Amino acid sequence: MKAILLKSLDIENFKGVKELHIDFENVTNVFGENATGKTSIFDAFTWVMFDKDSKNRSVFEIKPLDSNNKVIRGLVTTVTAVLEVNNKEIKLTKKYEEKWTRKRGESEATFTKNETTYMINDTP
């Protein structure tokens, strides 16, 4: 029988979470008032594992918002889960970042697209 354990979760610039490290080596409880980030933590885990949020949606907003509910540009969203699968440690990382290009003759770069990078044990 396969045993899969979540050992740690690192979240950076995901939804309302600027930076967070959770160590699951011991029993870990996640609790708090409404709108404090509990669902965002679970969404980060399901995003790195399954490309979905906790409501099983594959299309949802992961980028942090400013006080006017506008996307904060230029941030890199990164989630890393360290798992133990049959006594072997595996590190899964998912990075979502904006790509900007500067056209010839223009002084400012323009947003081109978002790019997702998947890594297993730091290998793309």
PDB file of N, CA and C in Angstrom:
ATOM      1  N   MET A   1       0.833  -1.178   0.000  1.00  0.00           N
ATOM      2  CA  MET A   1       0.000   0.000   0.000  1.00  0.00           C
ATOM      3  C   MET A   1       0.884   1.250   0.000  1.00  0.00           C
ATOM      4  N   LYS A   2       0.522   2.220  -0.852  1.00  0.00           N
ATOM      5  CA  LYS A   2       1.295   3.455  -0.932  1.00  0.00           C
ATOM      6  C   LYS A   2       0.872   4.415   0.160  1.00  0.00           C
ATOM      7  N   ALA A   3       1.866   5.044   0.765  1.00  0.00           N
ATOM      8  CA  ALA A   3       1.607   6.052   1.784  1.00  0.00           C
ATOM      9  C   ALA A   3       2.100   7.394   1.264  1.00  0.00           C
ATOM     10  N   ILE A   4       1.231   8.389   1.278  1.00  0.00           N
ATOM     11  CA  ILE A   4       1.597   9.734   0.835  1.00  0.00           C
ATOM     12  C   ILE A   4       1.325  10.694   1.985  1.00  0.00           C
ATOM     13  N   LEU A   5       2.367  11.394   2.411  1.00  0.00           N
ATOM     14  CA  LEU A   5       2.254  12.355   3.501  1.00  0.00           C
ATOM     15  C   LEU A   5       2.683  13.733   3.011  1.00  0.00           C
ATOM     16  N   LEU A   6       1.951  14.756   3.411  1.00  0.00           N
ATOM     17  CA  LEU A   6       2.341  16.134   3.134  1.00  0.00           C
ATOM     18  C   LEU A   6       3.258  16.580   4.261  1.00  0.00           C
ATOM     19  N   LYS A   7       4.515  16.900   3.916  1.00  0.00           N
ATOM     20  CA  LYS A   7       5.492  17.291   4.928  1.00  0.00           C
ATOM     21  C   LYS A   7       5.544  18.800   5.138  1.00  0.00           C
ATOM     22  N   SER A   8       5.454  19.569   4.030  1.00  0.00           N
ATOM     23  CA  SER A   8       5.475  21.030   4.169  1.00  0.00           C
ATOM     24  C   SER A   8       4.847  21.671   2.945  1.00  0.00           C
ATOM     25  N   LEU A   9       4.459  22.920   3.124  1.00  0.00           N
ATOM     26  CA  LEU A   9       3.862  23.702   2.054  1.00  0.00           C
ATOM     27  C   LEU A   9       4.411  25.118   2.151  1.00  0.00           C
ATOM     28  N   ASP A  10       4.970  25.608   1.049  1.00  0.00           N
ATOM     29  CA  ASP A  10       5.469  26.986   0.972  1.00  0.00           C
ATOM     30  C   ASP A  10       4.639  27.729  -0.058  1.00  0.00           C
ATOM     31  N   ILE A  11       4.118  28.884   0.343  1.00  0.00           N
ATOM     32  CA  ILE A  11       3.240  29.681  -0.513  1.00  0.00           C
ATOM     33  C   ILE A  11       3.808  31.084  -0.612  1.00  0.00           C
ATOM     34  N   GLU A  12       3.862  31.604  -1.843  1.00  0.00           N
ATOM     35  CA  GLU A  12       4.344  32.975  -2.052  1.00  0.00           C
ATOM     36  C   GLU A  12       3.474  33.661  -3.097  1.00  0.00           C
ATOM     37  N   ASN A  13       2.889  34.801  -2.714  1.00  0.00           N
ATOM     38  CA  ASN A  13       2.069  35.631  -3.601  1.00  0.00           C
ATOM     39  C   ASN A  13       0.911  34.857  -4.218  1.00  0.00           C
ATOM     40  N   PHE A  14       0.238  34.071  -3.401  1.00  0.00           N
ATOM     41  CA  PHE A  14      -0.916  33.296  -3.859  1.00  0.00           C
ATOM     42  C   PHE A  14      -2.165  33.859  -3.199  1.00  0.00           C
ATOM     43  N   LYS A  15      -3.058  34.398  -4.044  1.00  0.00           N
ATOM     44  CA  LYS A  15      -4.281  35.025  -3.550  1.00  0.00           C
ATOM     45  C   LYS A  15      -3.903  36.060  -2.484  1.00  0.00           C
ATOM     46  N   GLY A  16      -4.416  35.928  -1.268  1.00  0.00           N
ATOM     47  CA  GLY A  16      -4.116  36.908  -0.223  1.00  0.00           C
ATOM     48  C   GLY A  16      -2.913  36.569   0.624  1.00  0.00           C
ATOM     49  N   VAL A  17      -2.197  35.494   0.291  1.00  0.00           N
ATOM     50  CA  VAL A  17      -1.043  35.055   1.080  1.00  0.00           C
ATOM     51  C   VAL A  17       0.234  35.588   0.447  1.00  0.00           C
ATOM     52  N   LYS A  18       0.920  36.471   1.166  1.00  0.00           N
ATOM     53  CA  LYS A  18       2.165  37.024   0.641  1.00  0.00           C
ATOM     54  C   LYS A  18       3.299  36.005   0.750  1.00  0.00           C
ATOM     55  N   GLU A  19       3.471  35.442   1.942  1.00  0.00           N
ATOM     56  CA  GLU A  19       4.526  34.445   2.157  1.00  0.00           C
ATOM     57  C   GLU A  19       4.151  33.611   3.374  1.00  0.00           C
ATOM     58  N   LEU A  20       4.214  32.280   3.210  1.00  0.00           N
ATOM     59  CA  LEU A  20       3.824  31.396   4.302  1.00  0.00           C
ATOM     60  C   LEU A  20       4.533  30.058   4.161  1.00  0.00           C
ATOM     61  N   HIS A  21       5.057  29.563   5.268  1.00  0.00           N
ATOM     62  CA  HIS A  21       5.635  28.218   5.330  1.00  0.00           C
ATOM     63  C   HIS A  21       4.873  27.449   6.403  1.00  0.00           C
ATOM     64  N   ILE A  22       4.381  26.267   6.044  1.00  0.00           N
ATOM     65  CA  ILE A  22       3.699  25.412   7.015  1.00  0.00           C
ATOM     66  C   ILE A  22       4.432  24.083   7.056  1.00  0.00           C
ATOM     67  N   ASP A  23       4.847  23.694   8.250  1.00  0.00           N
ATOM     68  CA  ASP A  23       5.524  22.416   8.470  1.00  0.00           C
ATOM     69  C   ASP A  23       4.482  21.440   8.999  1.00  0.00           C
ATOM     70  N   PHE A  24       4.249  20.354   8.272  1.00  0.00           N
ATOM     71  CA  PHE A  24       3.248  19.374   8.653  1.00  0.00           C
ATOM     72  C   PHE A  24       3.865  18.139   9.314  1.00  0.00           C
ATOM     73  N   GLU A  25       5.089  18.256   9.810  1.00  0.00           N
ATOM     74  CA  GLU A  25       5.753  17.109  10.434  1.00  0.00           C
ATOM     75  C   GLU A  25       4.951  16.585  11.628  1.00  0.00           C
ATOM     76  N   ASN A  26       4.367  17.492  12.400  1.00  0.00           N
ATOM     77  CA  ASN A  26       3.524  17.110  13.534  1.00  0.00           C
ATOM     78  C   ASN A  26       2.073  17.341  13.150  1.00  0.00           C
ATOM     79  N   VAL A  27       1.164  17.015  14.020  1.00  0.00           N
ATOM     80  CA  VAL A  27      -0.248  17.302  13.772  1.00  0.00           C
ATOM     81  C   VAL A  27      -0.399  18.808  13.613  1.00  0.00           C
ATOM     82  N   THR A  28      -1.035  19.224  12.522  1.00  0.00           N
ATOM     83  CA  THR A  28      -1.160  20.649  12.222  1.00  0.00           C
ATOM     84  C   THR A  28      -2.627  20.999  12.048  1.00  0.00           C
ATOM     85  N   ASN A  29      -3.067  22.003  12.770  1.00  0.00           N
ATOM     86  CA  ASN A  29      -4.434  22.504  12.636  1.00  0.00           C
ATOM     87  C   ASN A  29      -4.382  23.882  12.001  1.00  0.00           C
ATOM     88  N   VAL A  30      -5.257  24.108  11.040  1.00  0.00           N
ATOM     89  CA  VAL A  30      -5.370  25.417  10.411  1.00  0.00           C
ATOM     90  C   VAL A  30      -6.750  25.951  10.772  1.00  0.00           C
ATOM     91  N   PHE A  31      -6.777  27.033  11.542  1.00  0.00           N
ATOM     92  CA  PHE A  31      -8.050  27.605  11.955  1.00  0.00           C
ATOM     93  C   PHE A  31      -7.911  29.105  12.094  1.00  0.00           C
ATOM     94  N   GLY A  32      -9.052  29.804  12.104  1.00  0.00           N
ATOM     95  CA  GLY A  32      -9.039  31.247  12.250  1.00  0.00           C
ATOM     96  C   GLY A  32     -10.375  31.834  11.857  1.00  0.00           C
ATOM     97  N   GLU A  33     -10.469  33.131  11.975  1.00  0.00           N
ATOM     98  CA  GLU A  33     -11.679  33.866  11.605  1.00  0.00           C
ATOM     99  C   GLU A  33     -11.917  33.746  10.104  1.00  0.00           C
ATOM    100  N   ASN A  34     -13.127  34.100   9.691  1.00  0.00           N
ATOM    101  CA  ASN A  34     -13.443  34.134   8.265  1.00  0.00           C
ATOM    102  C   ASN A  34     -12.526  35.120   7.553  1.00  0.00           C
ATOM    103  N   ALA A  35     -12.191  34.813   6.306  1.00  0.00           N
ATOM    104  CA  ALA A  35     -11.374  35.678   5.444  1.00  0.00           C
ATOM    105  C   ALA A  35      -9.956  35.892   5.974  1.00  0.00           C
ATOM    106  N   THR A  36      -9.386  34.871   6.640  1.00  0.00           N
ATOM    107  CA  THR A  36      -8.006  34.997   7.118  1.00  0.00           C
ATOM    108  C   THR A  36      -7.027  34.123   6.348  1.00  0.00           C
ATOM    109  N   GLY A  37      -7.522  33.330   5.347  1.00  0.00           N
ATOM    110  CA  GLY A  37      -6.618  32.594   4.483  1.00  0.00           C
ATOM    111  C   GLY A  37      -6.671  31.087   4.581  1.00  0.00           C
ATOM    112  N   LYS A  38      -7.586  30.529   5.357  1.00  0.00           N
ATOM    113  CA  LYS A  38      -7.655  29.064   5.483  1.00  0.00           C
ATOM    114  C   LYS A  38      -7.920  28.396   4.137  1.00  0.00           C
ATOM    115  N   THR A  39      -8.902  28.894   3.414  1.00  0.00           N
ATOM    116  CA  THR A  39      -9.223  28.320   2.104  1.00  0.00           C
ATOM    117  C   THR A  39      -8.100  28.587   1.111  1.00  0.00           C
ATOM    118  N   SER A  40      -7.439  29.718   1.215  1.00  0.00           N
ATOM    119  CA  SER A  40      -6.312  30.019   0.319  1.00  0.00           C
ATOM    120  C   SER A  40      -5.190  28.998   0.493  1.00  0.00           C
ATOM    121  N   ILE A  41      -4.964  28.547   1.721  1.00  0.00           N
ATOM    122  CA  ILE A  41      -3.943  27.526   1.960  1.00  0.00           C
ATOM    123  C   ILE A  41      -4.333  26.231   1.254  1.00  0.00           C
ATOM    124  N   PHE A  42      -5.591  25.830   1.401  1.00  0.00           N
ATOM    125  CA  PHE A  42      -6.042  24.605   0.745  1.00  0.00           C
ATOM    126  C   PHE A  42      -6.053  24.770  -0.778  1.00  0.00           C
ATOM    127  N   ASP A  43      -6.467  25.953  -1.263  1.00  0.00           N
ATOM    128  CA  ASP A  43      -6.431  26.222  -2.703  1.00  0.00           C
ATOM    129  C   ASP A  43      -5.007  26.121  -3.244  1.00  0.00           C
ATOM    130  N   ALA A  44      -4.038  26.608  -2.487  1.00  0.00           N
ATOM    131  CA  ALA A  44      -2.636  26.528  -2.921  1.00  0.00           C
ATOM    132  C   ALA A  44      -2.210  25.068  -3.057  1.00  0.00           C
ATOM    133  N   PHE A  45      -2.601  24.248  -2.095  1.00  0.00           N
ATOM    134  CA  PHE A  45      -2.261  22.823  -2.164  1.00  0.00           C
ATOM    135  C   PHE A  45      -2.925  22.153  -3.363  1.00  0.00           C
ATOM    136  N   THR A  46      -4.214  22.383  -3.565  1.00  0.00           N
ATOM    137  CA  THR A  46      -4.901  21.736  -4.691  1.00  0.00           C
ATOM    138  C   THR A  46      -4.413  22.291  -6.021  1.00  0.00           C
ATOM    139  N   TRP A  47      -3.970  23.564  -6.044  1.00  0.00           N
ATOM    140  CA  TRP A  47      -3.433  24.162  -7.273  1.00  0.00           C
ATOM    141  C   TRP A  47      -2.117  23.494  -7.673  1.00  0.00           C
ATOM    142  N   VAL A  48      -1.211  23.320  -6.724  1.00  0.00           N
ATOM    143  CA  VAL A  48       0.079  22.716  -7.056  1.00  0.00           C
ATOM    144  C   VAL A  48      -0.082  21.229  -7.401  1.00  0.00           C
ATOM    145  N   MET A  49      -1.064  20.571  -6.807  1.00  0.00           N
ATOM    146  CA  MET A  49      -1.260  19.139  -7.048  1.00  0.00           C
ATOM    147  C   MET A  49      -2.119  18.835  -8.278  1.00  0.00           C
ATOM    148  N   PHE A  50      -3.225  19.605  -8.450  1.00  0.00           N
ATOM    149  CA  PHE A  50      -4.231  19.225  -9.433  1.00  0.00           C
ATOM    150  C   PHE A  50      -4.636  20.319 -10.412  1.00  0.00           C
ATOM    151  N   ASP A  51      -4.023  21.510 -10.349  1.00  0.00           N
ATOM    152  CA  ASP A  51      -4.402  22.642 -11.207  1.00  0.00           C
ATOM    153  C   ASP A  51      -5.843  23.092 -10.966  1.00  0.00           C
ATOM    154  N   LYS A  52      -6.337  22.913  -9.764  1.00  0.00           N
ATOM    155  CA  LYS A  52      -7.708  23.312  -9.427  1.00  0.00           C
ATOM    156  C   LYS A  52      -7.732  23.938  -8.050  1.00  0.00           C
ATOM    157  N   ASP A  53      -8.872  24.589  -7.743  1.00  0.00           N
ATOM    158  CA  ASP A  53      -9.022  25.129  -6.397  1.00  0.00           C
ATOM    159  C   ASP A  53      -9.865  24.170  -5.559  1.00  0.00           C
ATOM    160  N   SER A  54     -10.205  24.576  -4.355  1.00  0.00           N
ATOM    161  CA  SER A  54     -10.946  23.713  -3.440  1.00  0.00           C
ATOM    162  C   SER A  54     -12.373  23.449  -3.892  1.00  0.00           C
ATOM    163  N   LYS A  55     -12.874  24.216  -4.856  1.00  0.00           N
ATOM    164  CA  LYS A  55     -14.213  23.998  -5.407  1.00  0.00           C
ATOM    165  C   LYS A  55     -14.156  23.245  -6.730  1.00  0.00           C
ATOM    166  N   ASN A  56     -12.983  22.666  -7.034  1.00  0.00           N
ATOM    167  CA  ASN A  56     -12.764  21.862  -8.238  1.00  0.00           C
ATOM    168  C   ASN A  56     -12.818  22.692  -9.528  1.00  0.00           C
ATOM    169  N   ARG A  57     -12.556  23.990  -9.414  1.00  0.00           N
ATOM    170  CA  ARG A  57     -12.538  24.861 -10.598  1.00  0.00           C
ATOM    171  C   ARG A  57     -11.107  24.956 -11.124  1.00  0.00           C
ATOM    172  N   SER A  58     -10.958  24.856 -12.437  1.00  0.00           N
ATOM    173  CA  SER A  58      -9.630  24.999 -13.032  1.00  0.00           C
ATOM    174  C   SER A  58      -9.353  26.452 -13.416  1.00  0.00           C
ATOM    175  N   VAL A  59     -10.390  27.282 -13.460  1.00  0.00           N
ATOM    176  CA  VAL A  59     -10.224  28.709 -13.751  1.00  0.00           C
ATOM    177  C   VAL A  59     -10.633  29.487 -12.507  1.00  0.00           C
ATOM    178  N   PHE A  60      -9.631  30.083 -11.850  1.00  0.00           N
ATOM    179  CA  PHE A  60      -9.871  30.910 -10.670  1.00  0.00           C
ATOM    180  C   PHE A  60      -8.687  31.850 -10.507  1.00  0.00           C
ATOM    181  N   GLU A  61      -8.897  32.953  -9.818  1.00  0.00           N
ATOM    182  CA  GLU A  61      -7.866  33.983  -9.692  1.00  0.00           C
ATOM    183  C   GLU A  61      -6.881  33.627  -8.584  1.00  0.00           C
ATOM    184  N   ILE A  62      -5.595  33.552  -8.929  1.00  0.00           N
ATOM    185  CA  ILE A  62      -4.569  33.243  -7.940  1.00  0.00           C
ATOM    186  C   ILE A  62      -3.685  34.438  -7.627  1.00  0.00           C
ATOM    187  N   LYS A  63      -3.700  35.450  -8.489  1.00  0.00           N
ATOM    188  CA  LYS A  63      -2.822  36.594  -8.294  1.00  0.00           C
ATOM    189  C   LYS A  63      -3.328  37.476  -7.145  1.00  0.00           C
ATOM    190  N   PRO A  64      -2.413  38.012  -6.359  1.00  0.00           N
ATOM    191  CA  PRO A  64      -2.801  38.908  -5.268  1.00  0.00           C
ATOM    192  C   PRO A  64      -3.436  40.192  -5.808  1.00  0.00           C
ATOM    193  N   LEU A  65      -4.345  40.764  -5.006  1.00  0.00           N
ATOM    194  CA  LEU A  65      -5.021  41.999  -5.377  1.00  0.00           C
ATOM    195  C   LEU A  65      -4.608  43.121  -4.431  1.00  0.00           C
ATOM    196  N   ASP A  66      -4.631  44.359  -4.945  1.00  0.00           N
ATOM    197  CA  ASP A  66      -4.332  45.511  -4.105  1.00  0.00           C
ATOM    198  C   ASP A  66      -5.606  45.954  -3.379  1.00  0.00           C
ATOM    199  N   SER A  67      -5.538  47.068  -2.687  1.00  0.00           N
ATOM    200  CA  SER A  67      -6.685  47.551  -1.904  1.00  0.00           C
ATOM    201  C   SER A  67      -7.861  47.961  -2.782  1.00  0.00           C
ATOM    202  N   ASN A  68      -7.631  48.175  -4.075  1.00  0.00           N
ATOM    203  CA  ASN A  68      -8.707  48.521  -5.014  1.00  0.00           C
ATOM    204  C   ASN A  68      -9.190  47.301  -5.812  1.00  0.00           C
ATOM    205  N   ASN A  69      -8.806  46.113  -5.364  1.00  0.00           N
ATOM    206  CA  ASN A  69      -9.154  44.856  -6.039  1.00  0.00           C
ATOM    207  C   ASN A  69      -8.606  44.749  -7.454  1.00  0.00           C
ATOM    208  N   LYS A  70      -7.467  45.351  -7.695  1.00  0.00           N
ATOM    209  CA  LYS A  70      -6.764  45.238  -8.977  1.00  0.00           C
ATOM    210  C   LYS A  70      -5.585  44.286  -8.779  1.00  0.00           C
ATOM    211  N   VAL A  71      -5.290  43.498  -9.813  1.00  0.00           N
ATOM    212  CA  VAL A  71      -4.171  42.555  -9.755  1.00  0.00           C
ATOM    213  C   VAL A  71      -2.864  43.322  -9.571  1.00  0.00           C
ATOM    214  N   ILE A  72      -2.040  42.862  -8.642  1.00  0.00           N
ATOM    215  CA  ILE A  72      -0.714  43.450  -8.434  1.00  0.00           C
ATOM    216  C   ILE A  72       0.214  42.849  -9.486  1.00  0.00           C
ATOM    217  N   ARG A  73       0.702  43.663 -10.394  1.00  0.00           N
ATOM    218  CA  ARG A  73       1.537  43.211 -11.508  1.00  0.00           C
ATOM    219  C   ARG A  73       2.973  42.954 -11.063  1.00  0.00           C
ATOM    220  N   GLY A  74       3.625  42.045 -11.762  1.00  0.00           N
ATOM    221  CA  GLY A  74       5.053  41.802 -11.579  1.00  0.00           C
ATOM    222  C   GLY A  74       5.409  40.799 -10.495  1.00  0.00           C
ATOM    223  N   LEU A  75       4.426  40.263  -9.783  1.00  0.00           N
ATOM    224  CA  LEU A  75       4.728  39.286  -8.740  1.00  0.00           C
ATOM    225  C   LEU A  75       4.757  37.881  -9.324  1.00  0.00           C
ATOM    226  N   VAL A  76       5.588  37.044  -8.761  1.00  0.00           N
ATOM    227  CA  VAL A  76       5.654  35.644  -9.157  1.00  0.00           C
ATOM    228  C   VAL A  76       4.924  34.829  -8.091  1.00  0.00           C
ATOM    229  N   THR A  77       3.939  34.059  -8.517  1.00  0.00           N
ATOM    230  CA  THR A  77       3.202  33.185  -7.606  1.00  0.00           C
ATOM    231  C   THR A  77       3.888  31.833  -7.593  1.00  0.00           C
ATOM    232  N   THR A  78       4.244  31.363  -6.394  1.00  0.00           N
ATOM    233  CA  THR A  78       4.948  30.091  -6.268  1.00  0.00           C
ATOM    234  C   THR A  78       4.357  29.288  -5.116  1.00  0.00           C
ATOM    235  N   VAL A  79       4.104  28.019  -5.381  1.00  0.00           N
ATOM    236  CA  VAL A  79       3.675  27.087  -4.336  1.00  0.00           C
ATOM    237  C   VAL A  79       4.553  25.850  -4.424  1.00  0.00           C
ATOM    238  N   THR A  80       5.103  25.442  -3.290  1.00  0.00           N
ATOM    239  CA  THR A  80       5.934  24.250  -3.218  1.00  0.00           C
ATOM    240  C   THR A  80       5.388  23.318  -2.152  1.00  0.00           C
ATOM    241  N   ALA A  81       5.149  22.081  -2.539  1.00  0.00           N
ATOM    242  CA  ALA A  81       4.700  21.047  -1.605  1.00  0.00           C
ATOM    243  C   ALA A  81       5.779  19.986  -1.519  1.00  0.00           C
ATOM    244  N   VAL A  82       6.162  19.650  -0.302  1.00  0.00           N
ATOM    245  CA  VAL A  82       7.102  18.558  -0.090  1.00  0.00           C
ATOM    246  C   VAL A  82       6.285  17.382   0.427  1.00  0.00           C
ATOM    247  N   LEU A  83       6.332  16.288  -0.333  1.00  0.00           N
ATOM    248  CA  LEU A  83       5.575  15.085  -0.001  1.00  0.00           C
ATOM    249  C   LEU A  83       6.525  13.947   0.322  1.00  0.00           C
ATOM    250  N   GLU A  84       6.041  13.008   1.089  1.00  0.00           N
ATOM    251  CA  GLU A  84       6.772  11.763   1.301  1.00  0.00           C
ATOM    252  C   GLU A  84       5.915  10.651   0.706  1.00  0.00           C
ATOM    253  N   VAL A  85       6.437   9.995  -0.325  1.00  0.00           N
ATOM    254  CA  VAL A  85       5.721   8.921  -1.010  1.00  0.00           C
ATOM    255  C   VAL A  85       6.510   7.638  -0.808  1.00  0.00           C
ATOM    256  N   ASN A  86       5.928   6.711  -0.061  1.00  0.00           N
ATOM    257  CA  ASN A  86       6.610   5.443   0.257  1.00  0.00           C
ATOM    258  C   ASN A  86       8.022   5.678   0.794  1.00  0.00           C
ATOM    259  N   ASN A  87       8.121   6.563   1.768  1.00  0.00           N
ATOM    260  CA  ASN A  87       9.383   6.891   2.451  1.00  0.00           C
ATOM    261  C   ASN A  87      10.392   7.619   1.575  1.00  0.00           C
ATOM    262  N   LYS A  88       9.964   8.142   0.417  1.00  0.00           N
ATOM    263  CA  LYS A  88      10.849   8.909  -0.444  1.00  0.00           C
ATOM    264  C   LYS A  88      10.298  10.333  -0.562  1.00  0.00           C
ATOM    265  N   GLU A  89      11.161  11.322  -0.339  1.00  0.00           N
ATOM    266  CA  GLU A  89      10.732  12.721  -0.381  1.00  0.00           C
ATOM    267  C   GLU A  89      10.676  13.239  -1.816  1.00  0.00           C
ATOM    268  N   ILE A  90       9.577  13.904  -2.150  1.00  0.00           N
ATOM    269  CA  ILE A  90       9.391  14.501  -3.469  1.00  0.00           C
ATOM    270  C   ILE A  90       8.966  15.954  -3.278  1.00  0.00           C
ATOM    271  N   LYS A  91       9.618  16.846  -3.994  1.00  0.00           N
ATOM    272  CA  LYS A  91       9.319  18.272  -3.916  1.00  0.00           C
ATOM    273  C   LYS A  91       8.652  18.702  -5.222  1.00  0.00           C
ATOM    274  N   LEU A  92       7.419  19.185  -5.128  1.00  0.00           N
ATOM    275  CA  LEU A  92       6.675  19.674  -6.287  1.00  0.00           C
ATOM    276  C   LEU A  92       6.546  21.180  -6.189  1.00  0.00           C
ATOM    277  N   THR A  93       6.940  21.884  -7.247  1.00  0.00           N
ATOM    278  CA  THR A  93       6.861  23.339  -7.267  1.00  0.00           C
ATOM    279  C   THR A  93       6.121  23.777  -8.514  1.00  0.00           C
ATOM    280  N   LYS A  94       5.257  24.751  -8.326  1.00  0.00           N
ATOM    281  CA  LYS A  94       4.536  25.346  -9.446  1.00  0.00           C
ATOM    282  C   LYS A  94       4.718  26.850  -9.352  1.00  0.00           C
ATOM    283  N   LYS A  95       5.162  27.445 -10.472  1.00  0.00           N
ATOM    284  CA  LYS A  95       5.446  28.881 -10.512  1.00  0.00           C
ATOM    285  C   LYS A  95       4.629  29.504 -11.640  1.00  0.00           C
ATOM    286  N   TYR A  96       3.972  30.603 -11.341  1.00  0.00           N
ATOM    287  CA  TYR A  96       3.124  31.312 -12.300  1.00  0.00           C
ATOM    288  C   TYR A  96       3.626  32.747 -12.369  1.00  0.00           C
ATOM    289  N   GLU A  97       4.131  33.150 -13.540  1.00  0.00           N
ATOM    290  CA  GLU A  97       4.698  34.490 -13.644  1.00  0.00           C
ATOM    291  C   GLU A  97       4.324  35.161 -14.945  1.00  0.00           C
ATOM    292  N   GLU A  98       4.335  36.479 -14.894  1.00  0.00           N
ATOM    293  CA  GLU A  98       4.010  37.289 -16.062  1.00  0.00           C
ATOM    294  C   GLU A  98       5.233  37.404 -16.965  1.00  0.00           C
ATOM    295  N   LYS A  99       4.983  37.403 -18.256  1.00  0.00           N
ATOM    296  CA  LYS A  99       6.036  37.646 -19.238  1.00  0.00           C
ATOM    297  C   LYS A  99       5.759  38.989 -19.895  1.00  0.00           C
ATOM    298  N   TRP A 100       6.758  39.822 -19.913  1.00  0.00           N
ATOM    299  CA  TRP A 100       6.657  41.168 -20.493  1.00  0.00           C
ATOM    300  C   TRP A 100       7.652  41.271 -21.632  1.00  0.00           C
ATOM    301  N   THR A 101       7.262  41.937 -22.723  1.00  0.00           N
ATOM    302  CA  THR A 101       8.175  42.118 -23.854  1.00  0.00           C
ATOM    303  C   THR A 101       8.233  43.587 -24.245  1.00  0.00           C
ATOM    304  N   ARG A 102       9.383  43.964 -24.722  1.00  0.00           N
ATOM    305  CA  ARG A 102       9.589  45.332 -25.198  1.00  0.00           C
ATOM    306  C   ARG A 102       9.777  45.262 -26.708  1.00  0.00           C
ATOM    307  N   LYS A 103       8.859  45.886 -27.421  1.00  0.00           N
ATOM    308  CA  LYS A 103       8.943  45.896 -28.877  1.00  0.00           C
ATOM    309  C   LYS A 103       9.999  46.892 -29.325  1.00  0.00           C
ATOM    310  N   ARG A 104      10.596  46.607 -30.447  1.00  0.00           N
ATOM    311  CA  ARG A 104      11.639  47.468 -30.987  1.00  0.00           C
ATOM    312  C   ARG A 104      11.097  48.889 -31.145  1.00  0.00           C
ATOM    313  N   GLY A 105      11.834  49.829 -30.648  1.00  0.00           N
ATOM    314  CA  GLY A 105      11.461  51.232 -30.767  1.00  0.00           C
ATOM    315  C   GLY A 105      10.560  51.737 -29.652  1.00  0.00           C
ATOM    316  N   GLU A 106      10.095  50.851 -28.777  1.00  0.00           N
ATOM    317  CA  GLU A 106       9.244  51.275 -27.665  1.00  0.00           C
ATOM    318  C   GLU A 106      10.063  51.308 -26.387  1.00  0.00           C
ATOM    319  N   SER A 107       9.746  52.275 -25.535  1.00  0.00           N
ATOM    320  CA  SER A 107      10.522  52.423 -24.307  1.00  0.00           C
ATOM    321  C   SER A 107      10.003  51.543 -23.171  1.00  0.00           C
ATOM    322  N   GLU A 108       8.718  51.176 -23.225  1.00  0.00           N
ATOM    323  CA  GLU A 108       8.150  50.382 -22.138  1.00  0.00           C
ATOM    324  C   GLU A 108       7.756  48.989 -22.601  1.00  0.00           C
ATOM    325  N   ALA A 109       7.958  48.035 -21.718  1.00  0.00           N
ATOM    326  CA  ALA A 109       7.543  46.657 -21.998  1.00  0.00           C
ATOM    327  C   ALA A 109       6.041  46.535 -21.788  1.00  0.00           C
ATOM    328  N   THR A 110       5.424  45.625 -22.521  1.00  0.00           N
ATOM    329  CA  THR A 110       3.994  45.377 -22.365  1.00  0.00           C
ATOM    330  C   THR A 110       3.787  43.920 -21.952  1.00  0.00           C
ATOM    331  N   PHE A 111       2.719  43.718 -21.209  1.00  0.00           N
ATOM    332  CA  PHE A 111       2.386  42.375 -20.750  1.00  0.00           C
ATOM    333  C   PHE A 111       2.053  41.501 -21.953  1.00  0.00           C
ATOM    334  N   THR A 112       2.690  40.332 -22.037  1.00  0.00           N
ATOM    335  CA  THR A 112       2.490  39.425 -23.152  1.00  0.00           C
ATOM    336  C   THR A 112       1.596  38.252 -22.769  1.00  0.00           C
ATOM    337  N   LYS A 113       1.959  37.580 -21.671  1.00  0.00           N
ATOM    338  CA  LYS A 113       1.200  36.403 -21.253  1.00  0.00           C
ATOM    339  C   LYS A 113       1.641  35.981 -19.859  1.00  0.00           C
ATOM    340  N   ASN A 114       0.914  35.030 -19.302  1.00  0.00           N
ATOM    341  CA  ASN A 114       1.325  34.370 -18.070  1.00  0.00           C
ATOM    342  C   ASN A 114       1.953  33.035 -18.453  1.00  0.00           C
ATOM    343  N   GLU A 115       2.961  32.631 -17.692  1.00  0.00           N
ATOM    344  CA  GLU A 115       3.654  31.378 -17.974  1.00  0.00           C
ATOM    345  C   GLU A 115       3.730  30.551 -16.697  1.00  0.00           C
ATOM    346  N   THR A 116       3.406  29.265 -16.813  1.00  0.00           N
ATOM    347  CA  THR A 116       3.448  28.358 -15.670  1.00  0.00           C
ATOM    348  C   THR A 116       4.617  27.401 -15.838  1.00  0.00           C
ATOM    349  N   THR A 117       5.396  27.252 -14.776  1.00  0.00           N
ATOM    350  CA  THR A 117       6.522  26.325 -14.752  1.00  0.00           C
ATOM    351  C   THR A 117       6.252  25.275 -13.684  1.00  0.00           C
ATOM    352  N   TYR A 118       6.410  24.016 -14.047  1.00  0.00           N
ATOM    353  CA  TYR A 118       6.246  22.911 -13.110  1.00  0.00           C
ATOM    354  C   TYR A 118       7.608  22.294 -12.848  1.00  0.00           C
ATOM    355  N   MET A 119       7.902  22.002 -11.576  1.00  0.00           N
ATOM    356  CA  MET A 119       9.186  21.389 -11.244  1.00  0.00           C
ATOM    357  C   MET A 119       8.981  20.217 -10.286  1.00  0.00           C
ATOM    358  N   ILE A 120       9.748  19.177 -10.503  1.00  0.00           N
ATOM    359  CA  ILE A 120       9.808  18.060  -9.575  1.00  0.00           C
ATOM    360  C   ILE A 120      11.232  17.966  -9.085  1.00  0.00           C
ATOM    361  N   ASN A 121      11.408  18.087  -7.777  1.00  0.00           N
ATOM    362  CA  ASN A 121      12.745  18.094  -7.168  1.00  0.00           C
ATOM    363  C   ASN A 121      13.649  19.108  -7.855  1.00  0.00           C
ATOM    364  N   ASP A 122      13.145  20.311  -8.063  1.00  0.00           N
ATOM    365  CA  ASP A 122      13.843  21.457  -8.651  1.00  0.00           C
ATOM    366  C   ASP A 122      14.237  21.268 -10.107  1.00  0.00           C
ATOM    367  N   THR A 123      13.682  20.263 -10.784  1.00  0.00           N
ATOM    368  CA  THR A 123      13.928  20.047 -12.205  1.00  0.00           C
ATOM    369  C   THR A 123      12.655  20.349 -12.983  1.00  0.00           C
ATOM    370  N   PRO A 124      12.743  21.289 -13.960  1.00  0.00           N
ATOM    371  CA  PRO A 124      11.535  21.621 -14.743  1.00  0.00           C
ATOM    372  C   PRO A 124      11.027  20.427 -15.537  1.00  0.00           C
TER     373      PRO A 124
END
